[in-house]
Amino acid sequence: MPNTKAELRAKALAARDGLSEKKRAAAAARLAKRGLPFKLLPGSIVSGYSPIRSEIDPMPLMKALAELGAQLALPCVTARGQSLIFRLFHPSDRLMLGPLGIPEPSPAATEVIPDIMLTPLAAFDRLGHRIGYGAGHYDVTFAHLRKTKNILGIGLAFAAQEIKTVPALSHDVALDYVLTESDVFDFRSSEVAHSLRG
């Protein structure tokens, strides 16, 4: 069947991989300069991610948010199929390699539940659906953490990763926003459930 998630993922990642280092750095700088499309409450916990492969780098944006009073956190992988956990971190902290070879805070760092999750993705559509890397870490995490807290999910991507339609399944969690170097997509108004978040 054409346009399976795997095929769409591969195509979007190829488009992302094709971007030059210079374009990637400029896009990350543009995200940081523009900031979030809403007022950040002081003390908000913003989780980002350690960029791997050709992901857009969230660090410039995270540093800008820290200057506005955000507390920063990074995800730590526990086990496949399990929710990610988040630990506080400062941009000057030394990170350790987690089980998937992704840099994460030391186990001694304080565990927190973020208010805002900056989320990497392979592809996204204009309904706020994302395609991740297939392990389902973020879908499981959103489903688990949103039982206790309203968490805003913000996908960070290059414009080149937008696709027409993500074949979404019932367990797939839609994002509240996607930020690219050229656009801000706000999906909250498109779903009644999201309108409660203001």
C-alpha atoms as a PDB file:
ATOM      1  CA  MET A   1       0.000   0.000   0.000  1.00  0.00           C
ATOM      2  CA  PRO A   2       1.561   3.336  -0.963  1.00  0.00           C
ATOM      3  CA  ASN A   3       1.905   6.153   1.536  1.00  0.00           C
ATOM      4  CA  THR A   4       2.375   3.947   4.555  1.00  0.00           C
ATOM      5  CA  LYS A   5       3.836   5.667   7.589  1.00  0.00           C
ATOM      6  CA  ALA A   6       7.196   4.015   6.876  1.00  0.00           C
ATOM      7  CA  GLU A   7       7.254   5.372   3.314  1.00  0.00           C
ATOM      8  CA  LEU A   8       6.102   8.830   4.359  1.00  0.00           C
ATOM      9  CA  ARG A   9       8.693   8.837   7.152  1.00  0.00           C
ATOM     10  CA  ALA A  10      11.479   7.840   4.768  1.00  0.00           C
ATOM     11  CA  LYS A  11      10.494  10.518   2.245  1.00  0.00           C
ATOM     12  CA  ALA A  12      10.262  13.306   4.849  1.00  0.00           C
ATOM     13  CA  LEU A  13      13.548  12.284   6.465  1.00  0.00           C
ATOM     14  CA  ALA A  14      15.239  12.298   3.049  1.00  0.00           C
ATOM     15  CA  ALA A  15      13.972  15.868   2.540  1.00  0.00           C
ATOM     16  CA  ARG A  16      15.291  16.804   5.995  1.00  0.00           C
ATOM     17  CA  ASP A  17      18.638  15.103   5.401  1.00  0.00           C
ATOM     18  CA  GLY A  18      18.977  17.050   2.149  1.00  0.00           C
ATOM     19  CA  LEU A  19      19.076  20.413   3.943  1.00  0.00           C
ATOM     20  CA  SER A  20      22.509  21.984   4.266  1.00  0.00           C
ATOM     21  CA  GLU A  21      24.141  22.525   7.652  1.00  0.00           C
ATOM     22  CA  LYS A  22      23.819  26.270   7.057  1.00  0.00           C
ATOM     23  CA  LYS A  23      20.057  26.020   6.373  1.00  0.00           C
ATOM     24  CA  ARG A  24      19.594  23.909   9.501  1.00  0.00           C
ATOM     25  CA  ALA A  25      21.450  26.366  11.717  1.00  0.00           C
ATOM     26  CA  ALA A  26      19.551  29.327  10.220  1.00  0.00           C
ATOM     27  CA  ALA A  27      16.215  27.560  10.813  1.00  0.00           C
ATOM     28  CA  ALA A  28      17.079  26.823  14.466  1.00  0.00           C
ATOM     29  CA  ALA A  29      18.127  30.470  14.955  1.00  0.00           C
ATOM     30  CA  ARG A  30      14.854  31.662  13.400  1.00  0.00           C
ATOM     31  CA  LEU A  31      12.803  29.471  15.780  1.00  0.00           C
ATOM     32  CA  ALA A  32      14.713  30.925  18.741  1.00  0.00           C
ATOM     33  CA  LYS A  33      14.250  34.492  17.569  1.00  0.00           C
ATOM     34  CA  ARG A  34      10.497  34.058  17.035  1.00  0.00           C
ATOM     35  CA  GLY A  35       9.969  32.184  20.299  1.00  0.00           C
ATOM     36  CA  LEU A  36       6.679  30.550  21.248  1.00  0.00           C
ATOM     37  CA  PRO A  37       3.357  31.676  19.756  1.00  0.00           C
ATOM     38  CA  PHE A  38       1.922  32.384  23.222  1.00  0.00           C
ATOM     39  CA  LYS A  39       3.019  34.030  26.471  1.00  0.00           C
ATOM     40  CA  LEU A  40       5.269  31.796  28.505  1.00  0.00           C
ATOM     41  CA  LEU A  41       4.304  31.674  32.178  1.00  0.00           C
ATOM     42  CA  PRO A  42       7.348  32.258  34.421  1.00  0.00           C
ATOM     43  CA  GLY A  43       8.622  29.016  35.901  1.00  0.00           C
ATOM     44  CA  SER A  44       7.093  26.878  33.133  1.00  0.00           C
ATOM     45  CA  ILE A  45       8.945  23.624  32.589  1.00  0.00           C
ATOM     46  CA  VAL A  46       9.872  23.248  28.935  1.00  0.00           C
ATOM     47  CA  SER A  47      11.262  19.941  27.789  1.00  0.00           C
ATOM     48  CA  GLY A  48      13.273  19.819  24.612  1.00  0.00           C
ATOM     49  CA  TYR A  49      15.372  17.039  23.145  1.00  0.00           C
ATOM     50  CA  SER A  50      18.956  16.323  22.215  1.00  0.00           C
ATOM     51  CA  PRO A  51      18.975  16.570  18.420  1.00  0.00           C
ATOM     52  CA  ILE A  52      20.069  13.431  16.610  1.00  0.00           C
ATOM     53  CA  ARG A  53      20.687  12.832  12.923  1.00  0.00           C
ATOM     54  CA  SER A  54      19.380  15.871  11.025  1.00  0.00           C
ATOM     55  CA  GLU A  55      16.723  17.031  13.518  1.00  0.00           C
ATOM     56  CA  ILE A  56      16.160  20.745  13.917  1.00  0.00           C
ATOM     57  CA  ASP A  57      18.173  21.835  16.961  1.00  0.00           C
ATOM     58  CA  PRO A  58      15.868  23.052  19.764  1.00  0.00           C
ATOM     59  CA  MET A  59      18.742  24.367  21.920  1.00  0.00           C
ATOM     60  CA  PRO A  60      18.755  27.987  20.644  1.00  0.00           C
ATOM     61  CA  LEU A  61      14.982  28.178  21.320  1.00  0.00           C
ATOM     62  CA  MET A  62      15.369  26.508  24.724  1.00  0.00           C
ATOM     63  CA  LYS A  63      18.098  28.964  25.757  1.00  0.00           C
ATOM     64  CA  ALA A  64      15.868  31.870  24.668  1.00  0.00           C
ATOM     65  CA  LEU A  65      12.984  30.438  26.744  1.00  0.00           C
ATOM     66  CA  ALA A  66      15.283  29.986  29.755  1.00  0.00           C
ATOM     67  CA  GLU A  67      16.068  33.705  29.553  1.00  0.00           C
ATOM     68  CA  LEU A  68      12.304  34.325  29.788  1.00  0.00           C
ATOM     69  CA  GLY A  69      12.147  32.299  33.001  1.00  0.00           C
ATOM     70  CA  ALA A  70      11.477  28.760  31.766  1.00  0.00           C
ATOM     71  CA  GLN A  71      12.973  25.774  33.532  1.00  0.00           C
ATOM     72  CA  LEU A  72      14.477  23.375  30.989  1.00  0.00           C
ATOM     73  CA  ALA A  73      14.228  19.600  30.933  1.00  0.00           C
ATOM     74  CA  LEU A  74      15.291  16.785  28.638  1.00  0.00           C
ATOM     75  CA  PRO A  75      13.702  13.372  28.097  1.00  0.00           C
ATOM     76  CA  CYS A  76      15.275  10.155  29.334  1.00  0.00           C
ATOM     77  CA  VAL A  77      14.375   6.832  27.759  1.00  0.00           C
ATOM     78  CA  THR A  78      13.396   4.101  30.195  1.00  0.00           C
ATOM     79  CA  ALA A  79      12.223   1.125  28.125  1.00  0.00           C
ATOM     80  CA  ARG A  80      10.527   0.613  24.773  1.00  0.00           C
ATOM     81  CA  GLY A  81       6.778   1.085  25.125  1.00  0.00           C
ATOM     82  CA  GLN A  82       7.264   2.985  28.404  1.00  0.00           C
ATOM     83  CA  SER A  83       6.676   6.690  28.959  1.00  0.00           C
ATOM     84  CA  LEU A  84       9.728   8.931  28.722  1.00  0.00           C
ATOM     85  CA  ILE A  85      10.742  10.614  31.946  1.00  0.00           C
ATOM     86  CA  PHE A  86      12.041  14.171  32.091  1.00  0.00           C
ATOM     87  CA  ARG A  87      14.877  15.599  34.152  1.00  0.00           C
ATOM     88  CA  LEU A  88      15.807  19.237  34.734  1.00  0.00           C
ATOM     89  CA  PHE A  89      18.856  20.411  32.880  1.00  0.00           C
ATOM     90  CA  HIS A  90      20.866  23.561  32.250  1.00  0.00           C
ATOM     91  CA  PRO A  91      22.540  24.212  28.873  1.00  0.00           C
ATOM     92  CA  SER A  92      25.955  24.096  30.586  1.00  0.00           C
ATOM     93  CA  ASP A  93      25.314  20.641  32.140  1.00  0.00           C
ATOM     94  CA  ARG A  94      27.322  17.683  30.976  1.00  0.00           C
ATOM     95  CA  LEU A  95      24.975  15.093  29.537  1.00  0.00           C
ATOM     96  CA  MET A  96      25.346  11.322  29.583  1.00  0.00           C
ATOM     97  CA  LEU A  97      24.559   8.906  26.775  1.00  0.00           C
ATOM     98  CA  GLY A  98      21.245   7.169  27.425  1.00  0.00           C
ATOM     99  CA  PRO A  99      20.334   3.609  26.381  1.00  0.00           C
ATOM    100  CA  LEU A 100      19.620   4.695  22.786  1.00  0.00           C
ATOM    101  CA  GLY A 101      22.873   6.623  22.529  1.00  0.00           C
ATOM    102  CA  ILE A 102      21.046   9.958  22.920  1.00  0.00           C
ATOM    103  CA  PRO A 103      22.512  12.514  25.359  1.00  0.00           C
ATOM    104  CA  GLU A 104      20.363  12.936  28.469  1.00  0.00           C
ATOM    105  CA  PRO A 105      20.719  14.410  31.989  1.00  0.00           C
ATOM    106  CA  SER A 106      22.337  12.443  34.778  1.00  0.00           C
ATOM    107  CA  PRO A 107      20.039  10.197  36.862  1.00  0.00           C
ATOM    108  CA  ALA A 108      20.859  12.548  39.763  1.00  0.00           C
ATOM    109  CA  ALA A 109      19.001  15.415  38.044  1.00  0.00           C
ATOM    110  CA  THR A 110      15.517  16.196  39.393  1.00  0.00           C
ATOM    111  CA  GLU A 111      12.655  14.404  37.640  1.00  0.00           C
ATOM    112  CA  VAL A 112       9.839  16.734  36.510  1.00  0.00           C
ATOM    113  CA  ILE A 113       6.666  16.707  34.414  1.00  0.00           C
ATOM    114  CA  PRO A 114       6.920  19.351  31.704  1.00  0.00           C
ATOM    115  CA  ASP A 115       4.269  21.974  30.949  1.00  0.00           C
ATOM    116  CA  ILE A 116       5.436  22.239  27.358  1.00  0.00           C
ATOM    117  CA  MET A 117       7.003  19.428  25.346  1.00  0.00           C
ATOM    118  CA  LEU A 118       9.079  20.408  22.328  1.00  0.00           C
ATOM    119  CA  THR A 119       8.870  17.310  20.196  1.00  0.00           C
ATOM    120  CA  PRO A 120      11.043  16.068  17.353  1.00  0.00           C
ATOM    121  CA  LEU A 121       9.323  14.446  14.400  1.00  0.00           C
ATOM    122  CA  ALA A 122       9.912  12.899  11.002  1.00  0.00           C
ATOM    123  CA  ALA A 123       6.840  14.407   9.284  1.00  0.00           C
ATOM    124  CA  PHE A 124       3.693  16.385  10.099  1.00  0.00           C
ATOM    125  CA  ASP A 125       0.478  17.476   8.415  1.00  0.00           C
ATOM    126  CA  ARG A 126      -1.803  20.489   8.802  1.00  0.00           C
ATOM    127  CA  LEU A 127      -4.071  18.683  11.266  1.00  0.00           C
ATOM    128  CA  GLY A 128      -1.290  18.432  13.819  1.00  0.00           C
ATOM    129  CA  HIS A 129      -0.554  14.753  13.300  1.00  0.00           C
ATOM    130  CA  ARG A 130       3.075  13.737  13.423  1.00  0.00           C
ATOM    131  CA  ILE A 131       5.057  10.757  12.288  1.00  0.00           C
ATOM    132  CA  GLY A 132       7.829   9.912  14.710  1.00  0.00           C
ATOM    133  CA  TYR A 133      10.442   7.219  14.342  1.00  0.00           C
ATOM    134  CA  GLY A 134       8.159   4.297  14.996  1.00  0.00           C
ATOM    135  CA  ALA A 135       8.922   3.483  18.641  1.00  0.00           C
ATOM    136  CA  GLY A 136       5.878   5.401  19.911  1.00  0.00           C
ATOM    137  CA  HIS A 137       7.777   7.044  22.793  1.00  0.00           C
ATOM    138  CA  TYR A 138       6.024  10.399  22.469  1.00  0.00           C
ATOM    139  CA  ASP A 139       2.513   8.989  21.920  1.00  0.00           C
ATOM    140  CA  VAL A 140       2.856   6.848  25.055  1.00  0.00           C
ATOM    141  CA  THR A 141       4.349   9.764  27.000  1.00  0.00           C
ATOM    142  CA  PHE A 142       1.623  12.258  26.072  1.00  0.00           C
ATOM    143  CA  ALA A 143      -1.106   9.716  26.854  1.00  0.00           C
ATOM    144  CA  HIS A 144       0.480   8.888  30.222  1.00  0.00           C
ATOM    145  CA  LEU A 145       1.385  12.403  31.386  1.00  0.00           C
ATOM    146  CA  ARG A 146      -1.804  14.095  30.206  1.00  0.00           C
ATOM    147  CA  LYS A 147      -3.714  12.018  32.767  1.00  0.00           C
ATOM    148  CA  THR A 148      -2.217  14.279  35.419  1.00  0.00           C
ATOM    149  CA  LYS A 149      -1.379  17.538  33.659  1.00  0.00           C
ATOM    150  CA  ASN A 150      -2.376  19.585  30.599  1.00  0.00           C
ATOM    151  CA  ILE A 151       0.801  19.434  28.542  1.00  0.00           C
ATOM    152  CA  LEU A 152       1.214  21.453  25.375  1.00  0.00           C
ATOM    153  CA  GLY A 153       2.824  19.442  22.606  1.00  0.00           C
ATOM    154  CA  ILE A 154       4.836  21.536  20.156  1.00  0.00           C
ATOM    155  CA  GLY A 155       6.456  19.836  17.198  1.00  0.00           C
ATOM    156  CA  LEU A 156       9.656  21.393  15.872  1.00  0.00           C
ATOM    157  CA  ALA A 157      10.416  20.741  12.233  1.00  0.00           C
ATOM    158  CA  PHE A 158      11.758  22.118   8.994  1.00  0.00           C
ATOM    159  CA  ALA A 159       9.110  23.256   6.490  1.00  0.00           C
ATOM    160  CA  ALA A 160      10.423  20.507   4.179  1.00  0.00           C
ATOM    161  CA  GLN A 161       8.962  17.890   6.560  1.00  0.00           C
ATOM    162  CA  GLU A 162       5.335  18.886   5.971  1.00  0.00           C
ATOM    163  CA  ILE A 163       3.318  16.225   4.149  1.00  0.00           C
ATOM    164  CA  LYS A 164      -0.266  16.264   2.893  1.00  0.00           C
ATOM    165  CA  THR A 165      -1.759  13.698   5.260  1.00  0.00           C
ATOM    166  CA  VAL A 166      -0.447  11.583   8.101  1.00  0.00           C
ATOM    167  CA  PRO A 167      -2.369   8.296   8.319  1.00  0.00           C
ATOM    168  CA  ALA A 168      -3.286   8.784  11.988  1.00  0.00           C
ATOM    169  CA  LEU A 169      -4.325   5.904  14.220  1.00  0.00           C
ATOM    170  CA  SER A 170      -6.507   6.201  17.294  1.00  0.00           C
ATOM    171  CA  HIS A 171      -3.524   6.050  19.686  1.00  0.00           C
ATOM    172  CA  ASP A 172      -1.615   8.756  17.800  1.00  0.00           C
ATOM    173  CA  VAL A 173      -1.573  12.003  19.726  1.00  0.00           C
ATOM    174  CA  ALA A 174      -2.085  15.225  17.770  1.00  0.00           C
ATOM    175  CA  LEU A 175       0.192  18.161  18.537  1.00  0.00           C
ATOM    176  CA  ASP A 176      -1.031  21.560  19.714  1.00  0.00           C
ATOM    177  CA  TYR A 177       1.423  23.455  17.513  1.00  0.00           C
ATOM    178  CA  VAL A 178       4.097  22.829  14.920  1.00  0.00           C
ATOM    179  CA  LEU A 179       6.813  25.457  14.525  1.00  0.00           C
ATOM    180  CA  THR A 180       8.962  25.553  11.402  1.00  0.00           C
ATOM    181  CA  GLU A 181      11.459  28.159  10.211  1.00  0.00           C
ATOM    182  CA  SER A 182       8.721  29.732   8.076  1.00  0.00           C
ATOM    183  CA  ASP A 183       5.378  28.987   9.774  1.00  0.00           C
ATOM    184  CA  VAL A 184       3.520  28.667  13.053  1.00  0.00           C
ATOM    185  CA  PHE A 185       0.728  26.093  12.902  1.00  0.00           C
ATOM    186  CA  ASP A 186      -1.804  26.335  15.745  1.00  0.00           C
ATOM    187  CA  PHE A 187      -4.002  23.243  15.901  1.00  0.00           C
ATOM    188  CA  ARG A 188      -5.730  23.952  19.197  1.00  0.00           C
ATOM    189  CA  SER A 189      -8.751  25.651  17.658  1.00  0.00           C
ATOM    190  CA  SER A 190      -9.396  22.741  15.303  1.00  0.00           C
ATOM    191  CA  GLU A 191     -10.464  20.396  18.086  1.00  0.00           C
ATOM    192  CA  VAL A 192     -13.097  21.023  20.716  1.00  0.00           C
ATOM    193  CA  ALA A 193     -11.034  19.208  23.349  1.00  0.00           C
ATOM    194  CA  HIS A 194      -8.216  21.669  22.856  1.00  0.00           C
ATOM    195  CA  SER A 195     -10.353  24.785  23.220  1.00  0.00           C
ATOM    196  CA  LEU A 196     -10.324  24.337  27.008  1.00  0.00           C
ATOM    197  CA  ARG A 197      -6.634  25.134  27.105  1.00  0.00           C
ATOM    198  CA  GLY A 198      -7.081  28.788  26.293  1.00  0.00           C
END
